[in-house]
mmCIF file of all heavy atoms, coordinates in Angstrom:
data_MODEL
# 
_entry.id   MODEL 
# 
loop_
_atom_site.group_PDB 
_atom_site.id 
_atom_site.type_symbol 
_atom_site.label_atom_id 
_atom_site.label_alt_id 
_atom_site.label_comp_id 
_atom_site.label_asym_id 
_atom_site.label_entity_id 
_atom_site.label_seq_id 
_atom_site.pdbx_PDB_ins_code 
_atom_site.Cartn_x 
_atom_site.Cartn_y 
_atom_site.Cartn_z 
_atom_site.occupancy 
_atom_site.B_iso_or_equiv 
_atom_site.pdbx_formal_charge 
_atom_site.auth_seq_id 
_atom_site.auth_comp_id 
_atom_site.auth_asym_id 
_atom_site.auth_atom_id 
_atom_site.pdbx_PDB_model_num 
ATOM 1   N N   . LEU A 1 1  ? 19.758 -14.144 -28.278 1.00 0.00 ? 1  LEU A N   1 
ATOM 2   C CA  . LEU A 1 1  ? 19.153 -14.097 -29.603 1.00 0.00 ? 1  LEU A CA  1 
ATOM 3   C C   . LEU A 1 1  ? 19.755 -12.932 -30.371 1.00 0.00 ? 1  LEU A C   1 
ATOM 4   O O   . LEU A 1 1  ? 19.753 -11.803 -29.877 1.00 0.00 ? 1  LEU A O   1 
ATOM 5   C CB  . LEU A 1 1  ? 17.637 -13.928 -29.520 1.00 0.00 ? 1  LEU A CB  1 
ATOM 6   C CG  . LEU A 1 1  ? 16.856 -14.941 -28.682 1.00 0.00 ? 1  LEU A CG  1 
ATOM 7   C CD1 . LEU A 1 1  ? 15.379 -14.571 -28.664 1.00 0.00 ? 1  LEU A CD1 1 
ATOM 8   C CD2 . LEU A 1 1  ? 17.044 -16.355 -29.227 1.00 0.00 ? 1  LEU A CD2 1 
ATOM 9   N N   . THR A 1 2  ? 20.275 -13.179 -31.565 1.00 0.00 ? 2  THR A N   1 
ATOM 10  C CA  . THR A 1 2  ? 20.803 -12.128 -32.430 1.00 0.00 ? 2  THR A CA  1 
ATOM 11  C C   . THR A 1 2  ? 19.811 -11.881 -33.549 1.00 0.00 ? 2  THR A C   1 
ATOM 12  O O   . THR A 1 2  ? 19.496 -12.790 -34.331 1.00 0.00 ? 2  THR A O   1 
ATOM 13  C CB  . THR A 1 2  ? 22.169 -12.511 -33.009 1.00 0.00 ? 2  THR A CB  1 
ATOM 14  O OG1 . THR A 1 2  ? 23.085 -12.759 -31.933 1.00 0.00 ? 2  THR A OG1 1 
ATOM 15  C CG2 . THR A 1 2  ? 22.723 -11.382 -33.872 1.00 0.00 ? 2  THR A CG2 1 
ATOM 16  N N   . LEU A 1 3  ? 19.312 -10.647 -33.609 1.00 0.00 ? 3  LEU A N   1 
ATOM 17  C CA  . LEU A 1 3  ? 18.281 -10.264 -34.568 1.00 0.00 ? 3  LEU A CA  1 
ATOM 18  C C   . LEU A 1 3  ? 18.865 -9.269  -35.554 1.00 0.00 ? 3  LEU A C   1 
ATOM 19  O O   . LEU A 1 3  ? 19.342 -8.209  -35.155 1.00 0.00 ? 3  LEU A O   1 
ATOM 20  C CB  . LEU A 1 3  ? 17.096 -9.650  -33.822 1.00 0.00 ? 3  LEU A CB  1 
ATOM 21  C CG  . LEU A 1 3  ? 15.829 -9.341  -34.604 1.00 0.00 ? 3  LEU A CG  1 
ATOM 22  C CD1 . LEU A 1 3  ? 15.176 -10.630 -35.082 1.00 0.00 ? 3  LEU A CD1 1 
ATOM 23  C CD2 . LEU A 1 3  ? 14.853 -8.551  -33.727 1.00 0.00 ? 3  LEU A CD2 1 
ATOM 24  N N   . SER A 1 4  ? 18.861 -9.615  -36.847 1.00 0.00 ? 4  SER A N   1 
ATOM 25  C CA  . SER A 1 4  ? 19.408 -8.748  -37.888 1.00 0.00 ? 4  SER A CA  1 
ATOM 26  C C   . SER A 1 4  ? 18.292 -7.908  -38.495 1.00 0.00 ? 4  SER A C   1 
ATOM 27  O O   . SER A 1 4  ? 17.258 -8.443  -38.906 1.00 0.00 ? 4  SER A O   1 
ATOM 28  C CB  . SER A 1 4  ? 20.080 -9.575  -38.988 1.00 0.00 ? 4  SER A CB  1 
ATOM 29  O OG  . SER A 1 4  ? 21.185 -10.286 -38.459 1.00 0.00 ? 4  SER A OG  1 
ATOM 30  N N   . ASN A 1 5  ? 18.514 -6.592  -38.555 1.00 0.00 ? 5  ASN A N   1 
ATOM 31  C CA  . ASN A 1 5  ? 17.511 -5.675  -39.092 1.00 0.00 ? 5  ASN A CA  1 
ATOM 32  C C   . ASN A 1 5  ? 17.716 -5.535  -40.603 1.00 0.00 ? 5  ASN A C   1 
ATOM 33  O O   . ASN A 1 5  ? 18.196 -4.511  -41.089 1.00 0.00 ? 5  ASN A O   1 
ATOM 34  C CB  . ASN A 1 5  ? 17.617 -4.316  -38.394 1.00 0.00 ? 5  ASN A CB  1 
ATOM 35  C CG  . ASN A 1 5  ? 16.488 -3.385  -38.787 1.00 0.00 ? 5  ASN A CG  1 
ATOM 36  O OD1 . ASN A 1 5  ? 15.554 -3.776  -39.475 1.00 0.00 ? 5  ASN A OD1 1 
ATOM 37  N ND2 . ASN A 1 5  ? 16.575 -2.146  -38.353 1.00 0.00 ? 5  ASN A ND2 1 
ATOM 38  N N   . MET A 1 6  ? 17.333 -6.586  -41.334 1.00 0.00 ? 6  MET A N   1 
ATOM 39  C CA  . MET A 1 6  ? 17.488 -6.608  -42.781 1.00 0.00 ? 6  MET A CA  1 
ATOM 40  C C   . MET A 1 6  ? 16.194 -7.087  -43.420 1.00 0.00 ? 6  MET A C   1 
ATOM 41  O O   . MET A 1 6  ? 15.412 -7.820  -42.805 1.00 0.00 ? 6  MET A O   1 
ATOM 42  C CB  . MET A 1 6  ? 18.645 -7.537  -43.187 1.00 0.00 ? 6  MET A CB  1 
ATOM 43  C CG  . MET A 1 6  ? 19.996 -7.111  -42.641 1.00 0.00 ? 6  MET A CG  1 
ATOM 44  S SD  . MET A 1 6  ? 21.305 -8.241  -43.194 1.00 0.00 ? 6  MET A SD  1 
ATOM 45  C CE  . MET A 1 6  ? 22.744 -7.494  -42.389 1.00 0.00 ? 6  MET A CE  1 
ATOM 46  N N   . GLU A 1 7  ? 15.976 -6.687  -44.671 1.00 0.00 ? 7  GLU A N   1 
ATOM 47  C CA  . GLU A 1 7  ? 14.758 -7.063  -45.376 1.00 0.00 ? 7  GLU A CA  1 
ATOM 48  C C   . GLU A 1 7  ? 14.645 -8.575  -45.535 1.00 0.00 ? 7  GLU A C   1 
ATOM 49  O O   . GLU A 1 7  ? 13.559 -9.144  -45.404 1.00 0.00 ? 7  GLU A O   1 
ATOM 50  C CB  . GLU A 1 7  ? 14.714 -6.381  -46.743 1.00 0.00 ? 7  GLU A CB  1 
ATOM 51  C CG  . GLU A 1 7  ? 14.544 -4.861  -46.664 1.00 0.00 ? 7  GLU A CG  1 
ATOM 52  C CD  . GLU A 1 7  ? 14.487 -4.218  -48.030 1.00 0.00 ? 7  GLU A CD  1 
ATOM 53  O OE1 . GLU A 1 7  ? 14.555 -4.971  -49.038 1.00 0.00 ? 7  GLU A OE1 1 
ATOM 54  O OE2 . GLU A 1 7  ? 14.372 -2.981  -48.102 1.00 0.00 ? 7  GLU A OE2 1 
ATOM 55  N N   . LYS A 1 8  ? 15.768 -9.242  -45.818 1.00 0.00 ? 8  LYS A N   1 
ATOM 56  C CA  . LYS A 1 8  ? 15.732 -10.696 -45.989 1.00 0.00 ? 8  LYS A CA  1 
ATOM 57  C C   . LYS A 1 8  ? 15.393 -11.411 -44.687 1.00 0.00 ? 8  LYS A C   1 
ATOM 58  O O   . LYS A 1 8  ? 15.068 -12.602 -44.695 1.00 0.00 ? 8  LYS A O   1 
ATOM 59  C CB  . LYS A 1 8  ? 17.068 -11.202 -46.526 1.00 0.00 ? 8  LYS A CB  1 
ATOM 60  C CG  . LYS A 1 8  ? 18.245 -10.993 -45.580 1.00 0.00 ? 8  LYS A CG  1 
ATOM 61  C CD  . LYS A 1 8  ? 19.538 -11.529 -46.195 1.00 0.00 ? 8  LYS A CD  1 
ATOM 62  C CE  . LYS A 1 8  ? 20.718 -11.366 -45.245 1.00 0.00 ? 8  LYS A CE  1 
ATOM 63  N NZ  . LYS A 1 8  ? 21.985 -11.879 -45.840 1.00 0.00 ? 8  LYS A NZ  1 
ATOM 64  N N   . ASN A 1 9  ? 15.464 -10.687 -43.577 1.00 0.00 ? 9  ASN A N   1 
ATOM 65  C CA  . ASN A 1 9  ? 15.128 -11.244 -42.269 1.00 0.00 ? 9  ASN A CA  1 
ATOM 66  C C   . ASN A 1 9  ? 13.752 -10.793 -41.804 1.00 0.00 ? 9  ASN A C   1 
ATOM 67  O O   . ASN A 1 9  ? 13.402 -10.939 -40.638 1.00 0.00 ? 9  ASN A O   1 
ATOM 68  C CB  . ASN A 1 9  ? 16.192 -10.842 -41.233 1.00 0.00 ? 9  ASN A CB  1 
ATOM 69  C CG  . ASN A 1 9  ? 16.151 -11.711 -39.996 1.00 0.00 ? 9  ASN A CG  1 
ATOM 70  O OD1 . ASN A 1 9  ? 15.979 -12.924 -40.097 1.00 0.00 ? 9  ASN A OD1 1 
ATOM 71  N ND2 . ASN A 1 9  ? 16.299 -11.100 -38.839 1.00 0.00 ? 9  ASN A ND2 1 
ATOM 72  N N   . GLY A 1 10 ? 12.971 -10.197 -42.711 1.00 0.00 ? 10 GLY A N   1 
ATOM 73  C CA  . GLY A 1 10 ? 11.623 -9.758  -42.371 1.00 0.00 ? 10 GLY A CA  1 
ATOM 74  C C   . GLY A 1 10 ? 11.551 -8.373  -41.784 1.00 0.00 ? 10 GLY A C   1 
ATOM 75  O O   . GLY A 1 10 ? 10.471 -7.940  -41.358 1.00 0.00 ? 10 GLY A O   1 
ATOM 76  N N   . LEU A 1 11 ? 12.678 -7.635  -41.757 1.00 0.00 ? 11 LEU A N   1 
ATOM 77  C CA  . LEU A 1 11 ? 12.696 -6.310  -41.144 1.00 0.00 ? 11 LEU A CA  1 
ATOM 78  C C   . LEU A 1 11 ? 13.146 -5.266  -42.164 1.00 0.00 ? 11 LEU A C   1 
ATOM 79  O O   . LEU A 1 11 ? 12.407 -4.921  -43.065 1.00 0.00 ? 11 LEU A O   1 
ATOM 80  C CB  . LEU A 1 11 ? 13.591 -6.314  -39.903 1.00 0.00 ? 11 LEU A CB  1 
ATOM 81  C CG  . LEU A 1 11 ? 13.055 -7.131  -38.718 1.00 0.00 ? 11 LEU A CG  1 
ATOM 82  C CD1 . LEU A 1 11 ? 14.108 -7.289  -37.637 1.00 0.00 ? 11 LEU A CD1 1 
ATOM 83  C CD2 . LEU A 1 11 ? 11.812 -6.468  -38.152 1.00 0.00 ? 11 LEU A CD2 1 
ATOM 84  N N   . GLY A 1 12 ? 14.344 -4.690  -42.005 1.00 0.00 ? 12 GLY A N   1 
ATOM 85  C CA  . GLY A 1 12 ? 14.802 -3.646  -42.905 1.00 0.00 ? 12 GLY A CA  1 
ATOM 86  C C   . GLY A 1 12 ? 14.106 -2.329  -42.661 1.00 0.00 ? 12 GLY A C   1 
ATOM 87  O O   . GLY A 1 12 ? 13.863 -1.550  -43.579 1.00 0.00 ? 12 GLY A O   1 
ATOM 88  N N   . ILE A 1 13 ? 13.763 -2.052  -41.379 1.00 0.00 ? 13 ILE A N   1 
ATOM 89  C CA  . ILE A 1 13 ? 13.092 -0.811  -40.987 1.00 0.00 ? 13 ILE A CA  1 
ATOM 90  C C   . ILE A 1 13 ? 13.832 -0.225  -39.796 1.00 0.00 ? 13 ILE A C   1 
ATOM 91  O O   . ILE A 1 13 ? 14.572 -0.924  -39.100 1.00 0.00 ? 13 ILE A O   1 
ATOM 92  C CB  . ILE A 1 13 ? 11.617 -1.072  -40.612 1.00 0.00 ? 13 ILE A CB  1 
ATOM 93  C CG1 . ILE A 1 13 ? 11.529 -2.204  -39.575 1.00 0.00 ? 13 ILE A CG1 1 
ATOM 94  C CG2 . ILE A 1 13 ? 10.795 -1.413  -41.851 1.00 0.00 ? 13 ILE A CG2 1 
ATOM 95  C CD1 . ILE A 1 13 ? 10.127 -2.568  -39.160 1.00 0.00 ? 13 ILE A CD1 1 
ATOM 96  N N   . SER A 1 14 ? 13.648 1.063   -39.544 1.00 0.00 ? 14 SER A N   1 
ATOM 97  C CA  . SER A 1 14 ? 14.285 1.698   -38.394 1.00 0.00 ? 14 SER A CA  1 
ATOM 98  C C   . SER A 1 14 ? 13.567 1.266   -37.122 1.00 0.00 ? 14 SER A C   1 
ATOM 99  O O   . SER A 1 14 ? 12.360 1.496   -36.977 1.00 0.00 ? 14 SER A O   1 
ATOM 100 C CB  . SER A 1 14 ? 14.241 3.220   -38.534 1.00 0.00 ? 14 SER A CB  1 
ATOM 101 O OG  . SER A 1 14 ? 14.941 3.628   -39.680 1.00 0.00 ? 14 SER A OG  1 
ATOM 102 N N   . LEU A 1 15 ? 14.294 0.645   -36.212 1.00 0.00 ? 15 LEU A N   1 
ATOM 103 C CA  . LEU A 1 15 ? 13.700 0.144   -34.974 1.00 0.00 ? 15 LEU A CA  1 
ATOM 104 C C   . LEU A 1 15 ? 14.049 1.078   -33.823 1.00 0.00 ? 15 LEU A C   1 
ATOM 105 O O   . LEU A 1 15 ? 15.222 1.210   -33.465 1.00 0.00 ? 15 LEU A O   1 
ATOM 106 C CB  . LEU A 1 15 ? 14.208 -1.264  -34.674 1.00 0.00 ? 15 LEU A CB  1 
ATOM 107 C CG  . LEU A 1 15 ? 13.860 -2.339  -35.702 1.00 0.00 ? 15 LEU A CG  1 
ATOM 108 C CD1 . LEU A 1 15 ? 14.497 -3.666  -35.320 1.00 0.00 ? 15 LEU A CD1 1 
ATOM 109 C CD2 . LEU A 1 15 ? 12.356 -2.491  -35.848 1.00 0.00 ? 15 LEU A CD2 1 
ATOM 110 N N   . PRO A 1 16 ? 13.055 1.754   -33.223 1.00 0.00 ? 16 PRO A N   1 
ATOM 111 C CA  . PRO A 1 16 ? 13.336 2.617   -32.075 1.00 0.00 ? 16 PRO A CA  1 
ATOM 112 C C   . PRO A 1 16 ? 13.803 1.804   -30.872 1.00 0.00 ? 16 PRO A C   1 
ATOM 113 O O   . PRO A 1 16 ? 13.550 0.604   -30.776 1.00 0.00 ? 16 PRO A O   1 
ATOM 114 C CB  . PRO A 1 16 ? 11.983 3.292   -31.791 1.00 0.00 ? 16 PRO A CB  1 
ATOM 115 C CG  . PRO A 1 16 ? 11.136 3.016   -32.983 1.00 0.00 ? 16 PRO A CG  1 
ATOM 116 C CD  . PRO A 1 16 ? 11.639 1.737   -33.584 1.00 0.00 ? 16 PRO A CD  1 
ATOM 117 N N   . ALA A 1 17 ? 14.476 2.471   -29.952 1.00 0.00 ? 17 ALA A N   1 
ATOM 118 C CA  . ALA A 1 17 ? 14.877 1.809   -28.713 1.00 0.00 ? 17 ALA A CA  1 
ATOM 119 C C   . ALA A 1 17 ? 13.641 1.455   -27.892 1.00 0.00 ? 17 ALA A C   1 
ATOM 120 O O   . ALA A 1 17 ? 12.616 2.131   -27.953 1.00 0.00 ? 17 ALA A O   1 
ATOM 121 C CB  . ALA A 1 17 ? 15.803 2.725   -27.912 1.00 0.00 ? 17 ALA A CB  1 
ATOM 122 N N   . GLY A 1 18 ? 13.737 0.381   -27.128 1.00 0.00 ? 18 GLY A N   1 
ATOM 123 C CA  . GLY A 1 18 ? 12.606 -0.010  -26.289 1.00 0.00 ? 18 GLY A CA  1 
ATOM 124 C C   . GLY A 1 18 ? 12.849 -1.325  -25.589 1.00 0.00 ? 18 GLY A C   1 
ATOM 125 O O   . GLY A 1 18 ? 13.916 -1.929  -25.683 1.00 0.00 ? 18 GLY A O   1 
ATOM 126 N N   . LYS A 1 19 ? 11.833 -1.770  -24.879 1.00 0.00 ? 19 LYS A N   1 
ATOM 127 C CA  . LYS A 1 19 ? 11.892 -3.051  -24.170 1.00 0.00 ? 19 LYS A CA  1 
ATOM 128 C C   . LYS A 1 19 ? 11.339 -4.142  -25.071 1.00 0.00 ? 19 LYS A C   1 
ATOM 129 O O   . LYS A 1 19 ? 10.314 -3.952  -25.733 1.00 0.00 ? 19 LYS A O   1 
ATOM 130 C CB  . LYS A 1 19 ? 11.085 -2.993  -22.871 1.00 0.00 ? 19 LYS A CB  1 
ATOM 131 C CG  . LYS A 1 19 ? 11.133 -4.292  -22.071 1.00 0.00 ? 19 LYS A CG  1 
ATOM 132 C CD  . LYS A 1 19 ? 10.396 -4.167  -20.741 1.00 0.00 ? 19 LYS A CD  1 
ATOM 133 C CE  . LYS A 1 19 ? 8.903  -4.203  -20.948 1.00 0.00 ? 19 LYS A CE  1 
ATOM 134 N NZ  . LYS A 1 19 ? 8.153  -4.331  -19.680 1.00 0.00 ? 19 LYS A NZ  1 
ATOM 135 N N   . VAL A 1 20 ? 12.032 -5.291  -25.094 1.00 0.00 ? 20 VAL A N   1 
ATOM 136 C CA  . VAL A 1 20 ? 11.585 -6.442  -25.880 1.00 0.00 ? 20 VAL A CA  1 
ATOM 137 C C   . VAL A 1 20 ? 11.138 -7.535  -24.923 1.00 0.00 ? 20 VAL A C   1 
ATOM 138 O O   . VAL A 1 20 ? 11.949 -8.067  -24.159 1.00 0.00 ? 20 VAL A O   1 
ATOM 139 C CB  . VAL A 1 20 ? 12.705 -6.963  -26.795 1.00 0.00 ? 20 VAL A CB  1 
ATOM 140 C CG1 . VAL A 1 20 ? 12.188 -8.116  -27.649 1.00 0.00 ? 20 VAL A CG1 1 
ATOM 141 C CG2 . VAL A 1 20 ? 13.247 -5.843  -27.685 1.00 0.00 ? 20 VAL A CG2 1 
ATOM 142 N N   . GLU A 1 21 ? 9.861  -7.851  -24.961 1.00 0.00 ? 21 GLU A N   1 
ATOM 143 C CA  . GLU A 1 21 ? 9.331  -8.958  -24.176 1.00 0.00 ? 21 GLU A CA  1 
ATOM 144 C C   . GLU A 1 21 ? 9.346  -10.209 -25.052 1.00 0.00 ? 21 GLU A C   1 
ATOM 145 O O   . GLU A 1 21 ? 8.932  -10.174 -26.207 1.00 0.00 ? 21 GLU A O   1 
ATOM 146 C CB  . GLU A 1 21 ? 7.905  -8.657  -23.705 1.00 0.00 ? 21 GLU A CB  1 
ATOM 147 C CG  . GLU A 1 21 ? 7.823  -7.447  -22.780 1.00 0.00 ? 21 GLU A CG  1 
ATOM 148 C CD  . GLU A 1 21 ? 6.402  -7.116  -22.377 1.00 0.00 ? 21 GLU A CD  1 
ATOM 149 O OE1 . GLU A 1 21 ? 5.468  -7.694  -22.995 1.00 0.00 ? 21 GLU A OE1 1 
ATOM 150 O OE2 . GLU A 1 21 ? 6.216  -6.306  -21.477 1.00 0.00 ? 21 GLU A OE2 1 
ATOM 151 N N   . ILE A 1 22 ? 9.830  -11.322 -24.499 1.00 0.00 ? 22 ILE A N   1 
ATOM 152 C CA  . ILE A 1 22 ? 10.031 -12.542 -25.277 1.00 0.00 ? 22 ILE A CA  1 
ATOM 153 C C   . ILE A 1 22 ? 9.085  -13.629 -24.775 1.00 0.00 ? 22 ILE A C   1 
ATOM 154 O O   . ILE A 1 22 ? 8.972  -13.859 -23.558 1.00 0.00 ? 22 ILE A O   1 
ATOM 155 C CB  . ILE A 1 22 ? 11.498 -13.007 -25.187 1.00 0.00 ? 22 ILE A CB  1 
ATOM 156 C CG1 . ILE A 1 22 ? 12.434 -11.866 -25.635 1.00 0.00 ? 22 ILE A CG1 1 
ATOM 157 C CG2 . ILE A 1 22 ? 11.726 -14.243 -26.046 1.00 0.00 ? 22 ILE A CG2 1 
ATOM 158 C CD1 . ILE A 1 22 ? 13.896 -12.159 -25.421 1.00 0.00 ? 22 ILE A CD1 1 
ATOM 159 N N   . TYR A 1 23 ? 8.414  -14.282 -25.712 1.00 0.00 ? 23 TYR A N   1 
ATOM 160 C CA  . TYR A 1 23 ? 7.447  -15.326 -25.392 1.00 0.00 ? 23 TYR A CA  1 
ATOM 161 C C   . TYR A 1 23 ? 7.775  -16.586 -26.197 1.00 0.00 ? 23 TYR A C   1 
ATOM 162 O O   . TYR A 1 23 ? 8.373  -16.512 -27.264 1.00 0.00 ? 23 TYR A O   1 
ATOM 163 C CB  . TYR A 1 23 ? 6.020  -14.871 -25.726 1.00 0.00 ? 23 TYR A CB  1 
ATOM 164 C CG  . TYR A 1 23 ? 5.560  -13.661 -24.949 1.00 0.00 ? 23 TYR A CG  1 
ATOM 165 C CD1 . TYR A 1 23 ? 5.915  -12.376 -25.364 1.00 0.00 ? 23 TYR A CD1 1 
ATOM 166 C CD2 . TYR A 1 23 ? 4.777  -13.796 -23.810 1.00 0.00 ? 23 TYR A CD2 1 
ATOM 167 C CE1 . TYR A 1 23 ? 5.502  -11.255 -24.657 1.00 0.00 ? 23 TYR A CE1 1 
ATOM 168 C CE2 . TYR A 1 23 ? 4.355  -12.685 -23.099 1.00 0.00 ? 23 TYR A CE2 1 
ATOM 169 C CZ  . TYR A 1 23 ? 4.720  -11.418 -23.527 1.00 0.00 ? 23 TYR A CZ  1 
ATOM 170 O OH  . TYR A 1 23 ? 4.312  -10.310 -22.818 1.00 0.00 ? 23 TYR A OH  1 
ATOM 171 N N   . ALA A 1 24 ? 7.366  -17.720 -25.668 1.00 0.00 ? 24 ALA A N   1 
ATOM 172 C CA  . ALA A 1 24 ? 7.534  -19.000 -26.361 1.00 0.00 ? 24 ALA A CA  1 
ATOM 173 C C   . ALA A 1 24 ? 6.220  -19.760 -26.310 1.00 0.00 ? 24 ALA A C   1 
ATOM 174 O O   . ALA A 1 24 ? 5.427  -19.597 -25.368 1.00 0.00 ? 24 ALA A O   1 
ATOM 175 C CB  . ALA A 1 24 ? 8.658  -19.825 -25.739 1.00 0.00 ? 24 ALA A CB  1 
# 
């Protein structure tokens, strides 16, 4: 999964390092 840290993608904020748990 490629996640873009941009406002048009719902983000555009500084994301700290960490673990990402993925659910479906």
